[in-house]
N, C-alpha and C. Protein backbone atom coordinates (compact mmCIF):
# COMPACT_ATOMS: atom_id res chain seq x y z
N MET A 1 -113.66 14.53 81.98
CA MET A 1 -112.90 13.82 82.94
C MET A 1 -113.78 13.29 84.03
N VAL A 2 -113.47 12.16 84.39
CA VAL A 2 -114.26 11.50 85.41
C VAL A 2 -113.51 11.65 86.73
N GLY A 3 -114.23 12.05 87.79
CA GLY A 3 -113.60 12.19 89.11
C GLY A 3 -113.22 10.84 89.66
N GLN A 4 -112.19 10.86 90.42
CA GLN A 4 -111.75 9.61 90.99
C GLN A 4 -112.50 9.35 92.28
N LEU A 5 -112.87 8.18 92.44
CA LEU A 5 -113.55 7.77 93.65
C LEU A 5 -112.51 7.22 94.61
N PRO A 6 -112.68 7.51 95.92
CA PRO A 6 -111.73 6.93 96.87
C PRO A 6 -111.86 5.42 96.90
N HIS A 7 -110.78 4.78 97.19
CA HIS A 7 -110.80 3.34 97.31
C HIS A 7 -111.65 2.96 98.49
N PRO A 8 -112.22 1.84 98.43
CA PRO A 8 -112.99 1.41 99.59
C PRO A 8 -112.08 1.31 100.81
N GLY A 9 -112.53 1.78 102.00
CA GLY A 9 -111.74 1.75 103.23
C GLY A 9 -110.89 2.99 103.40
N GLN A 10 -110.76 3.81 102.37
CA GLN A 10 -109.96 5.04 102.47
C GLN A 10 -110.92 6.21 102.59
N GLN A 11 -110.74 7.01 103.65
CA GLN A 11 -111.61 8.17 103.85
C GLN A 11 -110.75 9.42 103.90
N HIS A 12 -111.31 10.51 103.47
CA HIS A 12 -110.62 11.79 103.55
C HIS A 12 -110.94 12.41 104.90
N GLN A 13 -109.91 12.94 105.55
CA GLN A 13 -110.13 13.57 106.85
C GLN A 13 -110.54 15.01 106.64
N ARG A 14 -111.58 15.40 107.29
CA ARG A 14 -112.04 16.78 107.20
C ARG A 14 -112.15 17.33 108.60
N GLY A 15 -111.55 18.53 108.85
CA GLY A 15 -111.65 19.17 110.16
C GLY A 15 -110.70 18.54 111.16
N SER A 16 -110.89 18.88 112.44
CA SER A 16 -110.06 18.37 113.51
C SER A 16 -110.90 17.52 114.43
N SER A 17 -110.27 16.54 115.00
CA SER A 17 -111.00 15.73 115.95
C SER A 17 -110.98 16.41 117.31
N MET A 18 -111.87 16.02 118.17
CA MET A 18 -111.97 16.61 119.50
C MET A 18 -110.70 16.36 120.30
N VAL A 19 -110.05 15.25 120.13
CA VAL A 19 -108.82 14.93 120.85
C VAL A 19 -107.71 15.90 120.46
N GLU A 20 -107.59 16.22 119.19
CA GLU A 20 -106.57 17.17 118.74
C GLU A 20 -106.81 18.55 119.34
N VAL A 21 -108.05 18.98 119.40
CA VAL A 21 -108.38 20.28 119.98
C VAL A 21 -108.04 20.27 121.47
N LEU A 22 -108.35 19.20 122.17
CA LEU A 22 -108.06 19.10 123.59
C LEU A 22 -106.56 19.13 123.85
N VAL A 23 -105.78 18.42 123.07
CA VAL A 23 -104.32 18.42 123.22
C VAL A 23 -103.77 19.83 122.99
N THR A 24 -104.30 20.53 122.02
CA THR A 24 -103.87 21.91 121.75
C THR A 24 -104.15 22.80 122.96
N PHE A 25 -105.34 22.67 123.52
CA PHE A 25 -105.68 23.46 124.70
C PHE A 25 -104.75 23.17 125.88
N VAL A 26 -104.40 21.93 126.09
CA VAL A 26 -103.50 21.55 127.18
C VAL A 26 -102.12 22.16 126.96
N ILE A 27 -101.62 22.09 125.75
CA ILE A 27 -100.30 22.66 125.45
C ILE A 27 -100.31 24.17 125.65
N VAL A 28 -101.34 24.85 125.19
CA VAL A 28 -101.45 26.30 125.38
C VAL A 28 -101.56 26.64 126.86
N ALA A 29 -102.35 25.87 127.63
CA ALA A 29 -102.51 26.13 129.06
C ALA A 29 -101.20 25.98 129.81
N VAL A 30 -100.43 24.95 129.51
CA VAL A 30 -99.13 24.74 130.15
C VAL A 30 -98.20 25.90 129.81
N GLY A 31 -98.20 26.34 128.57
CA GLY A 31 -97.38 27.48 128.17
C GLY A 31 -97.76 28.75 128.90
N LEU A 32 -99.05 29.00 129.05
CA LEU A 32 -99.51 30.20 129.76
C LEU A 32 -99.17 30.14 131.25
N LEU A 33 -99.27 28.96 131.84
CA LEU A 33 -98.88 28.82 133.24
C LEU A 33 -97.38 29.09 133.42
N GLY A 34 -96.59 28.61 132.49
CA GLY A 34 -95.16 28.89 132.53
C GLY A 34 -94.88 30.38 132.42
N LEU A 35 -95.60 31.05 131.54
CA LEU A 35 -95.45 32.50 131.40
C LEU A 35 -95.85 33.23 132.68
N ALA A 36 -96.93 32.80 133.32
CA ALA A 36 -97.36 33.42 134.57
C ALA A 36 -96.30 33.24 135.66
N GLY A 37 -95.72 32.05 135.76
CA GLY A 37 -94.66 31.80 136.73
C GLY A 37 -93.44 32.67 136.46
N LEU A 38 -93.09 32.82 135.21
CA LEU A 38 -91.97 33.67 134.83
C LEU A 38 -92.24 35.12 135.22
N GLN A 39 -93.47 35.57 135.02
CA GLN A 39 -93.84 36.95 135.37
C GLN A 39 -93.69 37.19 136.88
N VAL A 40 -94.11 36.22 137.68
CA VAL A 40 -93.99 36.35 139.14
C VAL A 40 -92.52 36.43 139.54
N ARG A 41 -91.69 35.58 138.94
CA ARG A 41 -90.26 35.62 139.25
C ARG A 41 -89.62 36.93 138.81
N LEU A 42 -90.03 37.45 137.67
CA LEU A 42 -89.49 38.73 137.20
C LEU A 42 -89.86 39.87 138.14
N GLN A 43 -91.09 39.88 138.63
CA GLN A 43 -91.50 40.93 139.55
C GLN A 43 -90.73 40.83 140.86
N SER A 44 -90.50 39.63 141.34
CA SER A 44 -89.72 39.43 142.56
C SER A 44 -88.28 39.92 142.35
N ALA A 45 -87.69 39.58 141.23
CA ALA A 45 -86.32 40.02 140.94
C ALA A 45 -86.26 41.53 140.78
N GLN A 46 -87.29 42.12 140.20
CA GLN A 46 -87.32 43.57 140.03
C GLN A 46 -87.38 44.27 141.39
N LEU A 47 -88.20 43.76 142.31
CA LEU A 47 -88.29 44.36 143.65
C LEU A 47 -86.97 44.21 144.39
N GLU A 48 -86.35 43.03 144.31
CA GLU A 48 -85.05 42.83 144.96
C GLU A 48 -84.01 43.82 144.41
N SER A 49 -84.01 44.00 143.10
CA SER A 49 -83.07 44.91 142.47
C SER A 49 -83.33 46.35 142.90
N TYR A 50 -84.59 46.75 142.94
CA TYR A 50 -84.95 48.10 143.38
C TYR A 50 -84.49 48.34 144.82
N GLN A 51 -84.74 47.36 145.68
CA GLN A 51 -84.35 47.53 147.08
C GLN A 51 -82.84 47.63 147.23
N ARG A 52 -82.10 46.81 146.49
CA ARG A 52 -80.64 46.86 146.57
C ARG A 52 -80.11 48.22 146.08
N SER A 53 -80.69 48.75 145.02
CA SER A 53 -80.22 50.06 144.53
C SER A 53 -80.55 51.16 145.54
N GLN A 54 -81.71 51.08 146.19
CA GLN A 54 -82.04 52.06 147.22
C GLN A 54 -81.07 51.96 148.40
N ALA A 55 -80.75 50.73 148.79
CA ALA A 55 -79.82 50.52 149.90
C ALA A 55 -78.43 51.08 149.57
N LEU A 56 -77.98 50.86 148.35
CA LEU A 56 -76.66 51.38 147.96
C LEU A 56 -76.64 52.90 147.95
N LEU A 57 -77.74 53.52 147.51
CA LEU A 57 -77.82 54.98 147.55
C LEU A 57 -77.75 55.50 148.99
N LEU A 58 -78.49 54.86 149.89
CA LEU A 58 -78.50 55.30 151.28
C LEU A 58 -77.16 55.02 151.97
N LEU A 59 -76.52 53.93 151.60
CA LEU A 59 -75.20 53.62 152.13
C LEU A 59 -74.20 54.69 151.72
N GLY A 60 -74.19 55.02 150.44
CA GLY A 60 -73.29 56.07 149.95
C GLY A 60 -73.61 57.43 150.56
N ASP A 61 -74.89 57.70 150.79
CA ASP A 61 -75.30 58.96 151.40
C ASP A 61 -74.66 59.13 152.78
N MET A 62 -74.78 58.11 153.62
CA MET A 62 -74.21 58.23 154.97
C MET A 62 -72.70 58.27 154.93
N ALA A 63 -72.07 57.48 154.08
CA ALA A 63 -70.61 57.50 153.98
C ALA A 63 -70.13 58.89 153.57
N ASN A 64 -70.84 59.52 152.63
CA ASN A 64 -70.46 60.88 152.21
C ASN A 64 -70.68 61.89 153.33
N ARG A 65 -71.78 61.77 154.06
CA ARG A 65 -72.03 62.68 155.18
C ARG A 65 -70.92 62.57 156.23
N MET A 66 -70.50 61.35 156.50
CA MET A 66 -69.44 61.15 157.49
C MET A 66 -68.11 61.69 156.98
N ALA A 67 -67.82 61.50 155.72
CA ALA A 67 -66.56 61.99 155.17
C ALA A 67 -66.51 63.52 155.18
N ILE A 68 -67.66 64.15 154.95
CA ILE A 68 -67.70 65.61 154.97
C ILE A 68 -67.47 66.15 156.38
N ASN A 69 -68.01 65.46 157.37
CA ASN A 69 -67.89 65.90 158.76
C ASN A 69 -66.84 65.05 159.49
N ARG A 70 -65.72 64.85 158.87
CA ARG A 70 -64.70 63.92 159.35
C ARG A 70 -64.13 64.23 160.72
N ASN A 71 -64.16 65.50 161.15
CA ASN A 71 -63.65 65.84 162.47
C ASN A 71 -64.57 65.34 163.59
N HIS A 72 -65.81 65.03 163.26
CA HIS A 72 -66.78 64.56 164.26
C HIS A 72 -67.37 63.21 163.84
N VAL A 73 -66.60 62.43 163.11
CA VAL A 73 -67.11 61.17 162.56
C VAL A 73 -67.51 60.19 163.66
N ALA A 74 -66.89 60.24 164.82
CA ALA A 74 -67.24 59.33 165.92
C ALA A 74 -68.66 59.58 166.42
N ASP A 75 -69.21 60.76 166.18
CA ASP A 75 -70.57 61.08 166.63
C ASP A 75 -71.63 60.35 165.81
N TYR A 76 -71.26 59.75 164.70
CA TYR A 76 -72.21 59.04 163.84
C TYR A 76 -72.44 57.59 164.28
N VAL A 77 -71.62 57.07 165.16
CA VAL A 77 -71.69 55.66 165.54
C VAL A 77 -73.04 55.36 166.19
N THR A 78 -73.72 54.32 165.67
CA THR A 78 -75.01 53.89 166.21
C THR A 78 -74.90 52.54 166.89
N THR A 79 -73.98 51.73 166.53
CA THR A 79 -73.79 50.32 166.90
C THR A 79 -74.88 49.47 166.27
N ALA A 80 -74.60 48.19 166.19
CA ALA A 80 -75.55 47.24 165.58
C ALA A 80 -76.77 47.04 166.47
N ALA A 81 -76.62 47.25 167.77
CA ALA A 81 -77.75 47.06 168.69
C ALA A 81 -78.74 48.22 168.64
N ASN A 82 -78.32 49.36 168.12
CA ASN A 82 -79.18 50.54 168.06
C ASN A 82 -79.24 51.12 166.65
N PRO A 83 -79.78 50.37 165.69
CA PRO A 83 -79.80 50.89 164.32
C PRO A 83 -80.80 52.02 164.15
N LEU A 84 -80.66 52.72 163.07
CA LEU A 84 -81.62 53.76 162.69
C LEU A 84 -82.50 53.19 161.58
N GLY A 85 -83.73 53.68 161.47
CA GLY A 85 -84.57 53.26 160.36
C GLY A 85 -85.90 52.70 160.79
N ALA A 86 -86.34 51.66 160.10
CA ALA A 86 -87.68 51.09 160.29
C ALA A 86 -87.91 50.65 161.72
N GLY A 87 -89.05 51.04 162.26
CA GLY A 87 -89.42 50.66 163.61
C GLY A 87 -88.75 51.47 164.69
N MET A 88 -87.94 52.43 164.31
CA MET A 88 -87.22 53.25 165.28
C MET A 88 -87.78 54.67 165.27
N THR A 89 -87.62 55.35 166.37
CA THR A 89 -87.96 56.77 166.41
C THR A 89 -86.72 57.52 165.96
N CYS A 90 -86.88 58.31 164.91
CA CYS A 90 -85.73 59.03 164.37
C CYS A 90 -85.34 60.17 165.29
N PRO A 91 -84.03 60.40 165.42
CA PRO A 91 -83.57 61.51 166.26
C PRO A 91 -84.11 62.84 165.74
N ALA A 92 -84.64 63.63 166.65
CA ALA A 92 -85.18 64.93 166.26
C ALA A 92 -84.22 66.06 166.61
N ASN A 93 -83.26 65.78 167.48
CA ASN A 93 -82.30 66.80 167.89
C ASN A 93 -81.35 67.09 166.74
N ALA A 94 -81.27 68.34 166.35
CA ALA A 94 -80.40 68.72 165.24
C ALA A 94 -79.40 69.79 165.67
N ALA A 95 -78.90 69.66 166.91
CA ALA A 95 -77.96 70.65 167.43
C ALA A 95 -76.62 70.59 166.71
N THR A 96 -76.21 69.40 166.28
CA THR A 96 -74.95 69.27 165.56
C THR A 96 -75.22 68.71 164.16
N LEU A 97 -74.25 68.83 163.31
CA LEU A 97 -74.38 68.30 161.95
C LEU A 97 -74.56 66.77 161.98
N ALA A 98 -73.85 66.09 162.87
CA ALA A 98 -73.97 64.63 162.97
C ALA A 98 -75.38 64.23 163.41
N GLN A 99 -75.97 64.96 164.34
CA GLN A 99 -77.33 64.65 164.78
C GLN A 99 -78.34 64.90 163.66
N ARG A 100 -78.16 66.00 162.93
CA ARG A 100 -79.05 66.28 161.80
C ARG A 100 -78.92 65.20 160.72
N ASP A 101 -77.68 64.82 160.42
CA ASP A 101 -77.45 63.77 159.42
C ASP A 101 -78.09 62.45 159.85
N ALA A 102 -77.97 62.10 161.13
CA ALA A 102 -78.55 60.85 161.63
C ALA A 102 -80.07 60.89 161.50
N GLY A 103 -80.69 62.01 161.82
CA GLY A 103 -82.14 62.13 161.68
C GLY A 103 -82.60 62.03 160.24
N GLU A 104 -81.88 62.68 159.34
CA GLU A 104 -82.24 62.63 157.92
C GLU A 104 -82.03 61.23 157.34
N TRP A 105 -80.95 60.57 157.75
CA TRP A 105 -80.67 59.22 157.26
C TRP A 105 -81.73 58.25 157.78
N CYS A 106 -82.11 58.41 159.04
CA CYS A 106 -83.15 57.56 159.63
C CYS A 106 -84.47 57.72 158.87
N ASN A 107 -84.86 58.95 158.58
CA ASN A 107 -86.09 59.19 157.80
C ASN A 107 -85.99 58.59 156.40
N ALA A 108 -84.82 58.71 155.79
CA ALA A 108 -84.64 58.14 154.45
C ALA A 108 -84.72 56.61 154.49
N LEU A 109 -84.16 56.00 155.54
CA LEU A 109 -84.25 54.54 155.69
C LEU A 109 -85.69 54.09 155.89
N GLN A 110 -86.49 54.93 156.49
CA GLN A 110 -87.91 54.62 156.70
C GLN A 110 -88.74 54.85 155.45
N GLY A 111 -88.15 55.50 154.44
CA GLY A 111 -88.86 55.70 153.18
C GLY A 111 -89.51 57.05 153.03
N ALA A 112 -89.01 58.06 153.71
CA ALA A 112 -89.62 59.39 153.69
C ALA A 112 -89.53 60.07 152.32
N ALA A 113 -88.72 59.55 151.41
CA ALA A 113 -88.58 60.18 150.10
C ALA A 113 -89.86 60.09 149.29
N GLU A 114 -90.68 59.06 149.54
CA GLU A 114 -91.95 58.90 148.82
C GLU A 114 -93.01 58.47 149.82
N THR A 115 -94.23 58.98 149.63
CA THR A 115 -95.34 58.58 150.48
C THR A 115 -96.48 58.07 149.61
N SER A 116 -97.29 57.20 150.19
CA SER A 116 -98.43 56.66 149.44
C SER A 116 -99.54 57.69 149.40
N ALA A 117 -100.30 57.69 148.33
CA ALA A 117 -101.39 58.64 148.17
C ALA A 117 -102.53 58.34 149.12
N ALA A 118 -102.72 57.07 149.45
CA ALA A 118 -103.87 56.68 150.26
C ALA A 118 -103.75 57.14 151.71
N GLY A 119 -102.67 56.76 152.36
CA GLY A 119 -102.56 57.07 153.79
C GLY A 119 -101.39 57.94 154.15
N GLY A 120 -100.59 58.31 153.18
CA GLY A 120 -99.43 59.13 153.47
C GLY A 120 -98.30 58.36 154.14
N SER A 121 -98.36 57.03 154.13
CA SER A 121 -97.29 56.25 154.75
C SER A 121 -96.04 56.29 153.88
N LYS A 122 -94.90 56.11 154.53
CA LYS A 122 -93.61 56.18 153.85
C LYS A 122 -93.37 54.90 153.06
N VAL A 123 -93.10 55.04 151.77
CA VAL A 123 -92.92 53.87 150.90
C VAL A 123 -91.70 53.99 150.00
N GLY A 124 -90.81 54.94 150.25
CA GLY A 124 -89.74 55.23 149.31
C GLY A 124 -88.44 54.51 149.52
N ALA A 125 -88.39 53.49 150.34
CA ALA A 125 -87.12 52.79 150.55
C ALA A 125 -87.37 51.29 150.60
N MET A 126 -86.45 50.58 151.18
CA MET A 126 -86.54 49.13 151.26
C MET A 126 -87.57 48.72 152.30
N ILE A 127 -87.96 47.46 152.25
CA ILE A 127 -88.87 46.92 153.26
C ILE A 127 -88.07 46.74 154.55
N GLY A 128 -88.47 47.42 155.60
CA GLY A 128 -87.80 47.29 156.89
C GLY A 128 -86.37 47.78 156.90
N GLY A 129 -86.05 48.83 156.16
CA GLY A 129 -84.68 49.32 156.06
C GLY A 129 -84.13 49.84 157.38
N ARG A 130 -82.93 49.40 157.71
CA ARG A 130 -82.24 49.86 158.91
C ARG A 130 -80.79 50.14 158.56
N GLY A 131 -80.18 51.05 159.30
CA GLY A 131 -78.78 51.37 159.06
C GLY A 131 -77.98 51.42 160.34
N CYS A 132 -76.74 50.99 160.27
CA CYS A 132 -75.84 50.98 161.43
C CYS A 132 -74.51 51.59 161.03
N VAL A 133 -73.90 52.26 162.00
CA VAL A 133 -72.52 52.74 161.84
C VAL A 133 -71.75 52.21 163.04
N GLU A 134 -70.72 51.42 162.75
CA GLU A 134 -69.94 50.81 163.82
C GLU A 134 -68.48 51.23 163.69
N ALA A 135 -67.84 51.45 164.84
CA ALA A 135 -66.42 51.81 164.86
C ALA A 135 -65.59 50.54 164.77
N LEU A 136 -64.60 50.57 163.87
CA LEU A 136 -63.64 49.47 163.71
C LEU A 136 -62.24 50.03 163.91
N GLY A 137 -61.91 50.34 165.13
CA GLY A 137 -60.63 51.01 165.39
C GLY A 137 -60.71 52.44 164.85
N SER A 138 -59.86 52.76 163.89
CA SER A 138 -59.90 54.10 163.29
C SER A 138 -60.80 54.15 162.05
N ASP A 139 -61.35 53.00 161.65
CA ASP A 139 -62.25 52.93 160.51
C ASP A 139 -63.69 52.79 160.99
N TYR A 140 -64.63 52.92 160.05
CA TYR A 140 -66.05 52.82 160.39
C TYR A 140 -66.75 51.93 159.37
N LEU A 141 -67.59 51.02 159.87
CA LEU A 141 -68.36 50.13 159.03
C LEU A 141 -69.77 50.69 158.94
N VAL A 142 -70.17 51.08 157.73
CA VAL A 142 -71.52 51.59 157.50
C VAL A 142 -72.30 50.46 156.83
N THR A 143 -73.48 50.14 157.38
CA THR A 143 -74.26 49.01 156.90
C THR A 143 -75.72 49.41 156.72
N VAL A 144 -76.33 48.93 155.66
CA VAL A 144 -77.77 49.07 155.45
C VAL A 144 -78.32 47.66 155.27
N VAL A 145 -79.36 47.33 156.04
CA VAL A 145 -80.00 46.02 155.94
C VAL A 145 -81.48 46.21 155.66
N TRP A 146 -82.11 45.18 155.07
CA TRP A 146 -83.54 45.25 154.77
C TRP A 146 -84.11 43.85 154.60
N GLN A 147 -85.42 43.78 154.47
CA GLN A 147 -86.15 42.52 154.31
C GLN A 147 -86.20 42.16 152.83
N GLY A 148 -85.65 41.00 152.48
CA GLY A 148 -85.72 40.52 151.12
C GLY A 148 -87.06 39.86 150.85
N VAL A 149 -87.33 39.57 149.59
CA VAL A 149 -88.61 38.98 149.20
C VAL A 149 -88.58 37.46 149.28
N VAL A 150 -87.50 36.87 148.82
CA VAL A 150 -87.38 35.41 148.83
C VAL A 150 -86.11 35.03 149.59
N PRO A 151 -86.10 33.87 150.22
CA PRO A 151 -84.91 33.47 150.97
C PRO A 151 -83.75 33.13 150.04
N VAL A 152 -82.57 33.56 150.46
CA VAL A 152 -81.32 33.19 149.77
C VAL A 152 -80.36 32.75 150.86
N SER A 153 -79.15 33.20 150.85
CA SER A 153 -78.22 32.86 151.92
C SER A 153 -78.13 34.03 152.90
N ALA A 154 -77.95 33.71 154.15
CA ALA A 154 -77.86 34.73 155.20
C ALA A 154 -76.53 35.47 155.10
N PRO A 155 -76.51 36.75 155.48
CA PRO A 155 -75.23 37.47 155.54
C PRO A 155 -74.29 36.80 156.55
N PRO A 156 -73.01 37.09 156.51
CA PRO A 156 -72.07 36.46 157.44
C PRO A 156 -72.44 36.74 158.90
N GLU A 157 -72.11 35.82 159.76
CA GLU A 157 -72.38 35.97 161.20
C GLU A 157 -71.72 37.22 161.77
N SER A 158 -70.59 37.62 161.21
CA SER A 158 -69.87 38.78 161.73
C SER A 158 -70.62 40.09 161.48
N LEU A 159 -71.60 40.08 160.60
CA LEU A 159 -72.38 41.29 160.30
C LEU A 159 -73.57 41.33 161.26
N ALA A 160 -73.47 42.17 162.29
CA ALA A 160 -74.46 42.17 163.36
C ALA A 160 -75.65 43.08 163.10
N CYS A 161 -75.55 44.03 162.21
CA CYS A 161 -76.64 44.98 161.98
C CYS A 161 -77.90 44.25 161.49
N GLY A 162 -78.99 44.39 162.22
CA GLY A 162 -80.26 43.78 161.83
C GLY A 162 -80.33 42.29 162.02
N LYS A 163 -79.34 41.71 162.71
CA LYS A 163 -79.32 40.25 162.90
C LYS A 163 -80.57 39.80 163.63
N ASP A 164 -81.22 38.78 163.10
CA ASP A 164 -82.44 38.18 163.66
C ASP A 164 -83.64 39.14 163.67
N SER A 165 -83.57 40.25 162.96
CA SER A 165 -84.70 41.19 162.89
C SER A 165 -85.65 40.85 161.76
N TYR A 166 -85.25 40.00 160.85
CA TYR A 166 -86.06 39.70 159.68
C TYR A 166 -86.45 38.22 159.61
N ASN A 167 -86.48 37.56 160.75
CA ASN A 167 -86.84 36.15 160.80
C ASN A 167 -88.35 35.99 160.93
N ALA A 168 -88.89 35.08 160.18
CA ALA A 168 -90.30 34.73 160.31
C ALA A 168 -90.41 33.56 161.26
N SER A 169 -91.53 33.49 161.99
CA SER A 169 -91.71 32.37 162.92
C SER A 169 -91.93 31.07 162.16
N SER A 170 -92.46 31.17 160.96
CA SER A 170 -92.63 29.98 160.12
C SER A 170 -92.39 30.39 158.67
N GLY A 171 -92.24 29.41 157.83
CA GLY A 171 -92.00 29.71 156.42
C GLY A 171 -90.53 29.69 156.07
N ALA A 172 -90.21 30.26 154.93
CA ALA A 172 -88.86 30.17 154.40
C ALA A 172 -87.90 31.21 154.96
N CYS A 173 -88.41 32.29 155.52
CA CYS A 173 -87.54 33.39 155.98
C CYS A 173 -87.09 33.18 157.43
N ARG A 174 -86.48 32.05 157.70
CA ARG A 174 -85.92 31.80 159.03
C ARG A 174 -84.40 31.86 158.93
N ASN A 175 -83.76 32.01 160.08
CA ASN A 175 -82.29 32.02 160.15
C ASN A 175 -81.67 33.10 159.29
N ASP A 176 -82.31 34.25 159.23
CA ASP A 176 -81.80 35.42 158.48
C ASP A 176 -81.66 35.17 156.98
N LEU A 177 -82.40 34.22 156.43
CA LEU A 177 -82.31 33.94 154.99
C LEU A 177 -82.94 35.04 154.15
N CYS A 178 -83.75 35.91 154.74
CA CYS A 178 -84.35 37.02 153.99
C CYS A 178 -83.73 38.36 154.35
N ARG A 179 -82.71 38.36 155.19
CA ARG A 179 -82.03 39.61 155.52
C ARG A 179 -81.02 39.91 154.42
N ARG A 180 -81.13 41.10 153.86
CA ARG A 180 -80.18 41.56 152.85
C ARG A 180 -79.31 42.64 153.49
N ALA A 181 -78.09 42.76 153.05
CA ALA A 181 -77.18 43.75 153.63
C ALA A 181 -76.19 44.24 152.59
N VAL A 182 -75.87 45.52 152.70
CA VAL A 182 -74.76 46.11 151.95
C VAL A 182 -73.92 46.88 152.95
N THR A 183 -72.62 46.84 152.78
CA THR A 183 -71.72 47.50 153.73
C THR A 183 -70.61 48.22 152.98
N THR A 184 -70.01 49.14 153.70
CA THR A 184 -68.79 49.76 153.21
C THR A 184 -67.96 50.15 154.41
N VAL A 185 -66.65 50.10 154.24
CA VAL A 185 -65.75 50.53 155.28
C VAL A 185 -65.28 51.93 154.93
N LEU A 186 -65.44 52.83 155.87
CA LEU A 186 -65.06 54.22 155.67
C LEU A 186 -63.76 54.47 156.43
N ARG A 187 -62.74 54.87 155.69
CA ARG A 187 -61.45 55.17 156.31
C ARG A 187 -61.29 56.69 156.31
N ILE A 188 -61.13 57.23 157.50
CA ILE A 188 -60.96 58.66 157.66
C ILE A 188 -59.49 58.93 157.99
N ALA A 189 -58.83 59.68 157.15
CA ALA A 189 -57.44 60.02 157.39
C ALA A 189 -57.35 61.01 158.54
N PRO A 190 -56.33 60.90 159.36
CA PRO A 190 -56.19 61.86 160.46
C PRO A 190 -56.01 63.27 159.91
N SER A 191 -56.63 64.21 160.62
CA SER A 191 -56.53 65.61 160.14
C SER A 191 -55.32 66.31 160.67
């Protein structure tokens, strides 16, 4: 058998051209950049979720403490102007159950549940966690606020706890867009 010769002007392609290799590299690079961006967003969402779960635990903790000590529930009121937590000196007086509970809640809001190995600083709660207990007639509004990672919508104006405490002088976290809050209303039945 005689091998066939290619027709004149017809060539067989062997290997890849440099342009094809370059296009492949560009497509792979764009895909990897997209993956890196997705990873950053996932980490941000994970931190936001962790902080919200910590805030809900601390909110429930104080609501339970108040319900247990219902005869002295008015002693837990901090007001929005005097929150407990980050940047505050925690009450050290433990003469009453309400004072002890306030001190323990303040330490928990500051992150005392976990400390860093390097400097022993408190890292076990939300960023800038603060808590308020406000009287609403015969009911009580328990609130936990903290610093979010990315700006979203600000909590309602009626929620005074931590208002304007998480504003940046520049950037996206202005007008309380990075303040996160969880609240619950505690109703204490008359004894």
